[in-house]
N, C-alpha and C. Protein backbone atom coordinates (compact mmCIF):
# COMPACT_ATOMS: atom_id res chain seq x y z
N UNK A 1 9.22 7.69 26.95
CA UNK A 1 10.18 6.84 26.43
C UNK A 1 9.76 6.25 24.93
N UNK A 2 10.72 6.36 24.22
CA UNK A 2 10.63 5.84 22.83
C UNK A 2 11.49 4.79 22.73
N UNK A 3 11.19 3.88 21.74
CA UNK A 3 12.08 2.84 21.30
C UNK A 3 11.36 1.42 21.52
N UNK A 4 11.83 0.46 21.04
CA UNK A 4 11.38 -0.98 21.07
C UNK A 4 11.71 -1.19 22.58
N UNK A 5 10.54 -2.17 23.02
CA UNK A 5 10.65 -2.45 24.57
C UNK A 5 10.49 -3.92 24.46
N UNK A 6 10.01 -4.68 23.54
CA UNK A 6 9.80 -6.04 23.71
C UNK A 6 10.43 -6.55 22.32
N UNK A 7 11.60 -7.12 22.63
CA UNK A 7 12.35 -7.75 21.53
C UNK A 7 13.34 -8.72 21.85
N UNK A 8 13.59 -9.41 21.18
CA UNK A 8 14.58 -10.51 21.29
C UNK A 8 15.68 -10.58 20.16
N UNK A 9 16.95 -10.66 20.58
CA UNK A 9 18.00 -10.63 19.53
C UNK A 9 18.26 -12.14 19.31
N UNK A 10 18.55 -12.52 18.18
CA UNK A 10 18.96 -13.90 17.89
C UNK A 10 20.05 -13.84 17.13
N UNK A 11 20.84 -14.89 17.14
CA UNK A 11 22.01 -15.18 16.17
C UNK A 11 21.88 -16.51 15.51
N UNK A 12 22.33 -16.68 14.33
CA UNK A 12 22.29 -17.64 13.53
C UNK A 12 23.55 -18.44 13.14
N UNK A 13 24.05 -19.25 13.99
CA UNK A 13 25.32 -19.71 13.71
C UNK A 13 25.79 -20.34 12.26
N UNK A 14 26.84 -19.88 11.76
CA UNK A 14 27.19 -20.35 10.26
C UNK A 14 26.49 -19.49 9.29
N UNK A 15 25.69 -18.70 9.44
CA UNK A 15 24.87 -17.69 8.65
C UNK A 15 25.58 -16.45 8.17
N UNK A 16 26.13 -16.51 7.19
CA UNK A 16 26.83 -15.19 6.68
C UNK A 16 26.37 -14.50 5.35
N UNK A 17 25.76 -13.41 5.64
CA UNK A 17 25.20 -12.52 4.48
C UNK A 17 24.24 -13.45 3.68
N UNK A 18 23.40 -13.90 4.28
CA UNK A 18 22.25 -14.94 3.66
C UNK A 18 21.14 -14.83 4.61
N UNK A 19 20.14 -15.79 4.24
CA UNK A 19 19.00 -16.08 5.11
C UNK A 19 18.86 -17.60 5.20
N UNK A 20 18.08 -17.95 6.38
CA UNK A 20 17.87 -19.21 6.45
C UNK A 20 16.41 -19.33 6.59
N UNK A 21 15.93 -20.71 6.43
CA UNK A 21 14.55 -20.81 6.77
C UNK A 21 14.12 -20.68 8.07
N UNK A 22 15.12 -20.88 9.12
CA UNK A 22 14.96 -20.68 10.53
C UNK A 22 14.75 -19.11 10.74
N UNK A 23 15.40 -18.36 10.13
CA UNK A 23 15.33 -16.87 10.32
C UNK A 23 14.05 -16.49 9.64
N UNK A 24 13.70 -16.92 8.45
CA UNK A 24 12.60 -16.53 7.73
C UNK A 24 11.22 -16.90 8.71
N UNK A 25 11.31 -18.02 9.47
CA UNK A 25 10.30 -18.44 10.15
C UNK A 25 10.31 -17.67 11.36
N UNK A 26 11.36 -17.22 12.05
CA UNK A 26 11.28 -16.30 13.19
C UNK A 26 10.73 -14.76 12.73
N UNK A 27 10.99 -14.42 11.58
CA UNK A 27 10.43 -13.15 11.18
C UNK A 27 9.03 -13.23 10.99
N UNK A 28 8.61 -14.20 10.41
CA UNK A 28 6.97 -14.59 10.27
C UNK A 28 6.26 -14.65 11.66
N UNK A 29 6.80 -15.34 12.51
CA UNK A 29 6.23 -15.33 13.76
C UNK A 29 6.12 -13.95 14.51
N UNK A 30 7.34 -13.28 14.46
CA UNK A 30 7.26 -12.00 15.02
C UNK A 30 6.26 -10.99 14.30
N UNK A 31 6.11 -11.12 13.03
CA UNK A 31 5.42 -10.15 12.21
C UNK A 31 3.64 -10.49 12.59
N UNK A 32 3.55 -11.79 12.69
CA UNK A 32 2.22 -12.32 13.20
C UNK A 32 1.90 -11.89 14.56
N UNK A 33 2.85 -11.50 15.45
CA UNK A 33 2.50 -11.11 16.82
C UNK A 33 2.45 -9.48 16.76
N UNK A 34 3.06 -8.83 15.91
CA UNK A 34 3.02 -7.34 15.91
C UNK A 34 2.01 -6.63 15.07
N UNK A 35 1.67 -7.26 13.89
CA UNK A 35 0.95 -6.81 13.10
C UNK A 35 -0.50 -7.21 12.90
N UNK A 36 -1.50 -6.49 12.97
CA UNK A 36 -2.75 -6.98 13.18
C UNK A 36 -3.22 -7.68 12.00
N UNK A 37 -3.88 -8.95 12.13
CA UNK A 37 -4.29 -9.84 11.08
C UNK A 37 -5.61 -9.41 10.33
N UNK A 38 -6.35 -8.41 11.07
CA UNK A 38 -7.74 -8.13 10.51
C UNK A 38 -7.37 -6.83 9.48
N UNK A 39 -8.78 -6.47 8.94
CA UNK A 39 -8.58 -5.09 8.07
C UNK A 39 -8.34 -3.88 8.68
N UNK A 40 -8.15 -4.12 9.93
CA UNK A 40 -8.06 -2.74 10.91
C UNK A 40 -7.08 -1.81 10.33
N UNK A 41 -5.97 -2.29 9.82
CA UNK A 41 -4.77 -1.38 9.28
C UNK A 41 -4.82 -1.19 7.70
N UNK A 42 -5.64 -1.75 7.09
CA UNK A 42 -5.77 -1.79 5.70
C UNK A 42 -6.03 -0.51 5.01
N UNK A 43 -5.46 0.00 3.99
CA UNK A 43 -5.69 1.29 3.54
C UNK A 43 -7.01 1.21 2.69
N UNK A 44 -7.86 2.13 2.96
CA UNK A 44 -9.09 1.99 2.38
C UNK A 44 -9.16 3.42 1.38
N UNK A 45 -8.96 3.08 0.08
CA UNK A 45 -9.37 4.25 -0.83
C UNK A 45 -10.68 5.00 -0.84
N UNK A 46 -10.72 6.27 -1.25
CA UNK A 46 -11.84 6.77 -1.14
C UNK A 46 -12.65 6.36 -2.41
N UNK A 47 -13.70 6.28 -2.45
CA UNK A 47 -14.53 5.92 -3.70
C UNK A 47 -14.42 7.13 -4.74
N UNK A 48 -13.96 7.07 -5.91
CA UNK A 48 -13.81 7.94 -6.79
C UNK A 48 -15.13 8.95 -7.12
N UNK A 49 -16.23 8.52 -6.87
CA UNK A 49 -17.48 9.28 -6.99
C UNK A 49 -17.74 10.16 -5.90
N UNK A 50 -16.98 9.89 -4.85
CA UNK A 50 -17.08 10.80 -3.69
C UNK A 50 -15.92 11.87 -3.55
N UNK A 51 -15.12 11.76 -4.45
CA UNK A 51 -13.97 12.78 -4.49
C UNK A 51 -14.20 14.02 -5.29
N UNK A 52 -13.69 15.02 -4.91
CA UNK A 52 -13.74 16.29 -5.79
C UNK A 52 -13.03 16.20 -6.91
N UNK A 53 -13.49 17.14 -7.84
CA UNK A 53 -12.46 17.07 -9.03
C UNK A 53 -11.20 17.30 -8.65
N UNK A 54 -10.86 18.30 -7.84
CA UNK A 54 -9.50 18.42 -7.31
C UNK A 54 -8.75 17.45 -6.84
N UNK A 55 -9.30 16.53 -6.17
CA UNK A 55 -8.90 15.25 -5.47
C UNK A 55 -8.75 14.21 -6.77
N UNK A 56 -9.46 14.10 -7.64
CA UNK A 56 -9.60 13.16 -8.92
C UNK A 56 -8.36 13.60 -9.64
N UNK A 57 -8.11 14.92 -9.95
CA UNK A 57 -6.96 15.25 -10.69
C UNK A 57 -5.76 15.11 -9.99
N UNK A 58 -5.70 15.24 -8.61
CA UNK A 58 -4.46 14.89 -7.84
C UNK A 58 -4.32 13.37 -7.99
N UNK A 59 -5.18 12.66 -7.88
CA UNK A 59 -5.08 11.09 -8.08
C UNK A 59 -4.59 10.90 -9.30
N UNK A 60 -5.04 11.34 -10.26
CA UNK A 60 -4.72 11.04 -11.86
C UNK A 60 -3.24 11.46 -12.11
N UNK A 61 -2.86 12.54 -11.54
CA UNK A 61 -1.56 12.97 -11.44
C UNK A 61 -0.59 12.16 -10.99
N UNK A 62 -0.87 11.71 -9.73
CA UNK A 62 -0.18 10.81 -8.85
C UNK A 62 0.17 9.40 -9.41
N UNK A 63 -0.86 8.99 -10.08
CA UNK A 63 -0.78 7.80 -10.75
C UNK A 63 -0.06 7.76 -12.19
N UNK A 64 0.30 9.14 -12.65
CA UNK A 64 0.88 9.10 -14.00
C UNK A 64 -0.16 9.05 -15.20
N UNK A 65 -1.33 9.37 -14.93
CA UNK A 65 -2.06 9.21 -15.95
C UNK A 65 -2.60 10.62 -16.69
N UNK A 66 -1.81 11.57 -16.46
CA UNK A 66 -2.01 12.91 -16.92
C UNK A 66 -2.33 12.79 -18.50
N UNK A 67 -1.63 11.99 -19.17
CA UNK A 67 -2.01 12.06 -20.76
C UNK A 67 -3.29 11.35 -21.08
N UNK A 68 -3.63 10.57 -20.12
CA UNK A 68 -4.87 9.91 -20.41
C UNK A 68 -6.28 10.98 -20.09
N UNK A 69 -5.93 11.99 -19.31
CA UNK A 69 -6.77 12.87 -18.83
C UNK A 69 -6.96 13.93 -19.67
N UNK A 70 -6.11 14.06 -20.67
CA UNK A 70 -6.28 15.36 -21.72
C UNK A 70 -7.52 15.29 -22.32
N UNK A 71 -8.16 16.43 -22.51
CA UNK A 71 -9.64 16.61 -22.97
C UNK A 71 -10.76 16.06 -22.19
N UNK A 72 -10.51 15.61 -20.80
CA UNK A 72 -11.62 15.28 -19.93
C UNK A 72 -12.27 16.45 -19.38
N UNK A 73 -13.45 16.67 -19.47
CA UNK A 73 -14.10 17.64 -18.91
C UNK A 73 -15.16 17.47 -17.81
N UNK A 74 -15.71 16.41 -17.82
CA UNK A 74 -16.86 16.09 -17.02
C UNK A 74 -16.30 15.24 -15.74
N UNK A 75 -16.91 15.41 -14.59
CA UNK A 75 -16.45 14.74 -13.52
C UNK A 75 -16.59 13.35 -13.58
N UNK A 76 -17.64 12.99 -14.31
CA UNK A 76 -17.86 11.40 -14.52
C UNK A 76 -16.64 10.85 -15.34
N UNK A 77 -15.92 11.49 -16.22
CA UNK A 77 -15.04 11.17 -17.05
C UNK A 77 -13.70 11.01 -16.12
N UNK A 78 -13.60 11.77 -15.35
CA UNK A 78 -12.36 11.60 -14.24
C UNK A 78 -12.66 10.45 -13.33
N UNK A 79 -13.64 10.19 -12.77
CA UNK A 79 -14.24 9.15 -11.92
C UNK A 79 -13.95 7.86 -12.80
N UNK A 80 -14.36 7.82 -14.08
CA UNK A 80 -14.15 6.71 -14.56
C UNK A 80 -12.77 6.26 -15.01
N UNK A 81 -11.79 7.34 -15.06
CA UNK A 81 -10.57 7.02 -15.35
C UNK A 81 -9.88 6.53 -14.21
N UNK A 82 -10.22 7.05 -12.96
CA UNK A 82 -9.59 6.57 -11.69
C UNK A 82 -10.07 5.24 -11.44
N UNK A 83 -11.40 4.90 -11.70
CA UNK A 83 -11.76 3.45 -11.45
C UNK A 83 -11.19 2.43 -12.56
N UNK A 84 -11.10 2.82 -13.69
CA UNK A 84 -10.53 1.97 -14.59
C UNK A 84 -9.09 1.60 -14.19
N UNK A 85 -8.43 2.74 -13.75
CA UNK A 85 -6.87 2.62 -13.17
C UNK A 85 -6.65 1.40 -12.02
N UNK A 86 -7.62 1.87 -10.96
CA UNK A 86 -7.81 0.85 -9.90
C UNK A 86 -8.01 -0.34 -10.13
N UNK A 87 -8.85 -0.89 -11.15
CA UNK A 87 -9.43 -2.00 -11.42
C UNK A 87 -8.42 -2.69 -12.53
N UNK A 88 -7.37 -1.95 -12.86
CA UNK A 88 -6.41 -2.56 -13.85
C UNK A 88 -6.97 -2.80 -15.39
N UNK A 89 -7.97 -1.80 -15.62
CA UNK A 89 -8.47 -1.74 -16.92
C UNK A 89 -7.83 -0.69 -17.91
N UNK A 90 -6.60 -0.26 -17.70
CA UNK A 90 -5.87 0.58 -18.48
C UNK A 90 -4.64 -0.10 -18.97
């Protein structure tokens, strides 16, 4: 069986194509119930120094940093580029 099993439909009288603070509060309360509040579901990025050169190149390409990688040859240079990007130093 798939699909939502625990839900509540609400209407907001007089509300047409907009949102109200009451609706926002209901959404907030719903999210607090269903989304874990701890770091359990947080995305953890792999440390660049533990990545292979292939993984580093893929990360650089995905981040749109290809032009900054031209001429890099050493793994340490790729690691530095990815770290600088993640830290907002580019």
